[in-house]
């Protein structure tokens, strides 16, 4: 079941009506995990090698001389542009804890900031709660799309759907459990822009699942990209439609999985951020 005008792919509560529930395989210790074996190289050898590397680097730097214009020109195309991740200098939008930021700049940077913040809302635990959903839709979407999207969200996130996630009809987890769905934007890209509209891609990672000692859906992570069609309306950037697809995803690391209690405590104690380009 799709939500929005151009929904596609799987893996997101904000982008589709499909569940991202994944059940564990193999070991019953769903929150367990083990790191790879320790490294056997001696500390003294590492120190010696490090000193040699530093000496070589110092000699190479000294031999460069004062004219490095040619080397800079030659290597310019092989390195990423530093401005791609640099702060814009534009004053970020004002925000209040627990409230979706509003009042974005009327330019491409403002559209990116809005898209990043809206992505965190569309793939969140709050969007599953009927009491919060209507309010979120009104704050995120353009007025003429709110009624249709509210109906789609309500149909997709039905009581039966919530039950499959281990949630009650209010979107709350059972006693002793904490449902998690938190999104973290990694970066944004403008694919098209005008004075009244913009298409923004938001590359995200996130956490989703249920933290609990007997949970069959432990909290895990995923990577996905959301495409938001933004429209300038009512003196702010709002979402006209959105879609979602998997990836790009990095090679998994060797981090040891935390316990259910540690994960639930972290989600409750660590607040989210306001994102701005």
Protein backbone atom coordinates (compact mmCIF):
# COMPACT_ATOMS: atom_id res chain seq x y z
CA UNK A 1 0.00 0.00 0.00
CA UNK A 2 1.42 3.34 -0.95
CA UNK A 3 1.18 6.65 0.82
CA UNK A 4 1.50 9.92 -1.07
CA UNK A 5 1.53 10.50 -4.78
CA UNK A 6 4.79 8.81 -5.75
CA UNK A 7 5.45 6.20 -3.09
CA UNK A 8 7.80 3.40 -3.99
CA UNK A 9 10.06 0.80 -2.45
CA UNK A 10 9.89 -0.69 1.01
CA UNK A 11 11.43 -0.09 4.38
CA UNK A 12 9.75 2.98 5.82
CA UNK A 13 6.70 3.88 7.77
CA UNK A 14 6.87 7.41 6.35
CA UNK A 15 7.15 6.33 2.74
CA UNK A 16 4.94 3.27 2.44
CA UNK A 17 2.21 1.40 4.18
CA UNK A 18 4.45 -1.63 4.40
CA UNK A 19 5.92 -2.72 7.70
CA UNK A 20 9.65 -2.75 8.20
CA UNK A 21 9.28 -5.53 10.78
CA UNK A 22 12.09 -8.05 10.63
CA UNK A 23 12.16 -11.16 12.75
CA UNK A 24 15.41 -12.60 14.11
CA UNK A 25 16.91 -15.75 12.75
CA UNK A 26 19.11 -18.33 14.47
CA UNK A 27 20.11 -17.44 18.00
CA UNK A 28 17.39 -16.60 20.49
CA UNK A 29 19.58 -13.87 21.96
CA UNK A 30 18.17 -11.23 19.64
CA UNK A 31 19.98 -8.38 21.34
CA UNK A 32 23.27 -10.24 21.61
CA UNK A 33 26.29 -9.89 19.40
CA UNK A 34 30.01 -10.36 19.38
CA UNK A 35 32.90 -8.31 18.16
CA UNK A 36 35.58 -9.74 15.91
CA UNK A 37 38.71 -11.16 17.47
CA UNK A 38 41.28 -8.76 18.90
CA UNK A 39 44.27 -7.61 16.88
CA UNK A 40 47.55 -9.39 17.65
CA UNK A 41 50.13 -6.80 16.49
CA UNK A 42 52.28 -5.36 19.27
CA UNK A 43 51.94 -1.78 20.42
CA UNK A 44 55.68 -1.21 20.05
CA UNK A 45 55.67 -2.19 16.37
CA UNK A 46 52.76 0.18 15.69
CA UNK A 47 54.67 2.99 17.39
CA UNK A 48 57.81 2.41 15.30
CA UNK A 49 55.85 2.28 12.06
CA UNK A 50 54.00 5.47 13.01
CA UNK A 51 57.26 7.36 13.62
CA UNK A 52 58.66 6.25 10.26
CA UNK A 53 55.52 7.36 8.44
CA UNK A 54 55.66 10.78 10.09
CA UNK A 55 59.32 11.22 9.12
CA UNK A 56 58.62 10.34 5.50
CA UNK A 57 55.68 12.74 5.41
CA UNK A 58 57.83 15.55 6.88
CA UNK A 59 60.59 15.03 4.29
CA UNK A 60 58.08 14.98 1.43
CA UNK A 61 56.50 18.21 2.65
CA UNK A 62 59.88 19.94 2.94
CA UNK A 63 60.82 18.95 -0.61
CA UNK A 64 57.66 20.45 -2.10
CA UNK A 65 59.10 23.96 -2.02
CA UNK A 66 57.05 27.11 -2.09
CA UNK A 67 55.21 26.65 -5.41
CA UNK A 68 52.27 24.26 -5.05
CA UNK A 69 49.99 25.81 -7.63
CA UNK A 70 50.52 23.00 -10.14
CA UNK A 71 49.81 20.26 -7.63
CA UNK A 72 46.64 22.00 -6.52
CA UNK A 73 45.39 22.31 -10.06
CA UNK A 74 46.23 18.70 -10.84
CA UNK A 75 44.47 17.27 -7.80
CA UNK A 76 41.41 19.47 -7.85
CA UNK A 77 39.35 17.04 -9.83
CA UNK A 78 40.25 14.02 -7.67
CA UNK A 79 39.02 15.44 -4.37
CA UNK A 80 35.43 16.18 -3.30
CA UNK A 81 34.47 19.82 -3.09
CA UNK A 82 34.77 20.90 0.56
CA UNK A 83 31.74 23.15 0.20
CA UNK A 84 29.51 20.12 -0.33
CA UNK A 85 29.45 19.48 3.43
CA UNK A 86 30.33 22.93 4.73
CA UNK A 87 27.75 24.98 6.67
CA UNK A 88 26.07 27.58 4.50
CA UNK A 89 26.34 30.39 7.01
CA UNK A 90 22.60 30.99 6.79
CA UNK A 91 21.01 31.28 10.20
CA UNK A 92 19.20 28.00 11.01
CA UNK A 93 15.48 27.97 11.50
CA UNK A 94 14.33 28.51 15.09
CA UNK A 95 13.08 25.41 16.85
CA UNK A 96 11.31 24.44 20.05
CA UNK A 97 11.78 20.98 21.65
CA UNK A 98 8.97 18.67 20.57
CA UNK A 99 7.74 21.03 17.82
CA UNK A 100 8.45 20.68 14.10
CA UNK A 101 10.63 23.62 12.99
CA UNK A 102 9.03 26.14 10.60
CA UNK A 103 9.98 29.42 8.96
CA UNK A 104 12.58 28.26 6.41
CA UNK A 105 14.46 30.54 4.05
CA UNK A 106 12.84 31.03 0.64
CA UNK A 107 15.69 29.44 -1.33
CA UNK A 108 17.18 26.04 -2.16
CA UNK A 109 18.99 25.86 1.18
CA UNK A 110 15.75 26.48 3.02
CA UNK A 111 14.06 23.74 1.02
CA UNK A 112 16.85 21.31 1.95
CA UNK A 113 16.56 22.16 5.63
CA UNK A 114 12.80 21.71 5.53
CA UNK A 115 13.06 18.38 3.70
CA UNK A 116 15.60 17.03 6.21
CA UNK A 117 13.43 17.95 9.18
CA UNK A 118 10.25 16.64 7.57
CA UNK A 119 11.96 13.32 6.76
CA UNK A 120 12.51 12.74 10.48
CA UNK A 121 8.77 13.20 11.04
CA UNK A 122 7.51 11.03 8.18
CA UNK A 123 9.53 8.04 9.39
CA UNK A 124 8.93 8.35 13.11
CA UNK A 125 7.05 6.59 15.88
CA UNK A 126 4.72 9.58 16.22
CA UNK A 127 3.27 9.15 12.73
CA UNK A 128 1.86 5.80 13.92
CA UNK A 129 -0.12 7.46 16.71
CA UNK A 130 -3.63 8.51 15.58
CA UNK A 131 -3.70 11.32 18.14
CA UNK A 132 -0.55 12.89 16.68
CA UNK A 133 -0.93 12.00 13.01
CA UNK A 134 -3.44 14.65 11.97
CA UNK A 135 -1.36 17.39 13.61
CA UNK A 136 1.82 16.22 11.88
CA UNK A 137 0.13 16.08 8.48
CA UNK A 138 -1.12 19.64 8.89
CA UNK A 139 2.35 20.89 9.78
CA UNK A 140 4.28 19.04 7.07
CA UNK A 141 2.06 18.95 3.96
CA UNK A 142 0.54 21.63 1.75
CA UNK A 143 -3.10 22.36 2.57
CA UNK A 144 -4.66 20.86 -0.57
CA UNK A 145 -2.99 17.46 0.07
CA UNK A 146 -3.73 17.10 3.78
CA UNK A 147 -7.18 15.50 3.62
CA UNK A 148 -6.19 12.84 1.08
CA UNK A 149 -2.95 11.98 2.88
CA UNK A 150 -4.64 11.80 6.27
CA UNK A 151 -7.08 9.26 4.85
CA UNK A 152 -4.23 7.23 3.33
CA UNK A 153 -2.22 7.26 6.54
CA UNK A 154 -5.26 6.22 8.60
CA UNK A 155 -6.00 3.35 6.24
CA UNK A 156 -2.40 2.15 6.10
CA UNK A 157 -1.75 2.44 9.83
CA UNK A 158 -4.90 0.61 10.88
CA UNK A 159 -5.41 -1.13 14.21
CA UNK A 160 -4.57 -4.45 12.54
CA UNK A 161 -1.32 -3.03 11.14
CA UNK A 162 -0.34 -1.61 14.53
CA UNK A 163 -1.11 -4.93 16.19
CA UNK A 164 1.37 -6.66 13.89
CA UNK A 165 4.02 -4.27 15.17
CA UNK A 166 3.12 -5.08 18.77
CA UNK A 167 1.36 -1.74 19.27
CA UNK A 168 -2.13 -1.03 20.56
CA UNK A 169 -4.70 1.06 18.67
CA UNK A 170 -3.12 4.23 20.07
CA UNK A 171 0.29 3.33 18.66
CA UNK A 172 1.77 2.50 22.07
CA UNK A 173 3.95 -0.52 22.86
CA UNK A 174 3.05 -3.07 25.51
CA UNK A 175 4.20 -2.58 29.09
CA UNK A 176 7.93 -3.16 29.42
CA UNK A 177 8.55 -2.46 25.73
CA UNK A 178 9.64 0.65 23.84
CA UNK A 179 8.81 1.05 20.16
CA UNK A 180 11.56 2.85 18.22
CA UNK A 181 11.45 4.56 14.83
CA UNK A 182 13.95 7.38 14.58
CA UNK A 183 15.43 8.86 11.42
CA UNK A 184 18.76 10.67 11.00
CA UNK A 185 19.40 12.58 7.75
CA UNK A 186 22.94 12.07 6.44
CA UNK A 187 22.77 14.62 3.64
CA UNK A 188 20.52 16.33 1.10
CA UNK A 189 20.63 16.94 -2.65
CA UNK A 190 18.62 19.33 -4.81
CA UNK A 191 17.56 17.68 -8.07
CA UNK A 192 15.44 20.60 -9.28
CA UNK A 193 14.42 23.99 -7.91
CA UNK A 194 12.44 27.08 -8.78
CA UNK A 195 11.00 30.00 -6.87
CA UNK A 196 7.92 28.01 -5.85
CA UNK A 197 9.01 24.38 -5.83
CA UNK A 198 11.96 22.06 -5.29
CA UNK A 199 12.74 18.35 -5.47
CA UNK A 200 14.99 17.30 -2.59
CA UNK A 201 16.57 13.92 -1.94
CA UNK A 202 17.39 13.15 1.69
CA UNK A 203 19.79 10.30 2.40
CA UNK A 204 18.94 8.81 5.79
CA UNK A 205 19.82 6.16 8.29
CA UNK A 206 17.52 5.16 11.11
CA UNK A 207 16.53 2.84 13.93
CA UNK A 208 13.36 0.81 14.05
CA UNK A 209 11.93 -2.06 16.08
CA UNK A 210 10.78 -2.83 19.61
CA UNK A 211 13.12 -2.82 22.59
CA UNK A 212 12.07 -5.37 25.16
CA UNK A 213 13.41 -8.49 26.84
CA UNK A 214 11.06 -10.81 24.89
CA UNK A 215 10.74 -8.74 21.72
CA UNK A 216 10.65 -10.67 18.44
CA UNK A 217 11.35 -7.44 16.54
CA UNK A 218 14.58 -6.07 18.06
CA UNK A 219 15.76 -2.59 17.23
CA UNK A 220 17.94 -2.57 14.12
CA UNK A 221 19.15 0.00 11.61
CA UNK A 222 18.48 0.71 7.96
CA UNK A 223 19.53 3.09 5.18
CA UNK A 224 17.18 4.72 2.71
CA UNK A 225 16.68 7.79 0.54
CA UNK A 226 13.55 9.92 0.60
CA UNK A 227 12.58 12.17 -2.31
CA UNK A 228 10.38 15.06 -1.23
CA UNK A 229 8.61 17.34 -3.68
CA UNK A 230 8.56 20.67 -1.87
CA UNK A 231 6.26 23.62 -2.51
CA UNK A 232 6.49 27.18 -1.24
CA UNK A 233 3.10 27.80 0.41
CA UNK A 234 1.90 30.06 3.21
CA UNK A 235 5.35 31.68 3.42
CA UNK A 236 7.13 28.41 4.14
CA UNK A 237 8.33 25.17 2.52
CA UNK A 238 5.85 22.30 2.73
CA UNK A 239 5.72 18.79 1.28
CA UNK A 240 3.60 18.23 -1.82
CA UNK A 241 4.43 14.51 -2.20
CA UNK A 242 7.18 12.08 -1.28
CA UNK A 243 8.62 8.67 -2.07
CA UNK A 244 11.21 6.37 -0.58
CA UNK A 245 13.74 3.75 -1.70
CA UNK A 246 16.38 1.61 -0.01
CA UNK A 247 20.06 2.61 0.31
CA UNK A 248 22.75 3.58 -0.31
CA UNK A 249 23.98 1.43 2.60
CA UNK A 250 27.54 1.00 3.87
CA UNK A 251 29.20 -2.27 4.82
CA UNK A 252 28.00 -3.20 8.34
CA UNK A 253 30.50 -2.61 11.12
CA UNK A 254 31.49 -4.92 13.96
CA UNK A 255 29.67 -3.04 16.73
CA UNK A 256 28.37 -5.15 19.56
CA UNK A 257 24.59 -4.95 19.89
CA UNK A 258 23.34 -3.28 23.07
CA UNK A 259 20.81 -4.85 25.40
CA UNK A 260 17.11 -4.06 25.13
CA UNK A 261 17.26 -1.94 28.29
CA UNK A 262 20.24 0.06 27.04
CA UNK A 263 18.53 0.74 23.72
CA UNK A 264 15.24 1.80 25.33
CA UNK A 265 17.07 4.08 27.78
CA UNK A 266 19.11 5.70 24.99
CA UNK A 267 16.02 6.46 22.91
CA UNK A 268 14.29 8.03 25.91
CA UNK A 269 17.29 10.08 27.09
CA UNK A 270 18.80 11.32 23.82
CA UNK A 271 16.75 13.92 21.98
CA UNK A 272 16.82 14.59 18.25
CA UNK A 273 18.22 17.54 16.31
CA UNK A 274 16.95 20.33 14.11
CA UNK A 275 18.61 20.01 10.70
CA UNK A 276 19.73 22.95 8.57
CA UNK A 277 21.97 23.21 5.52
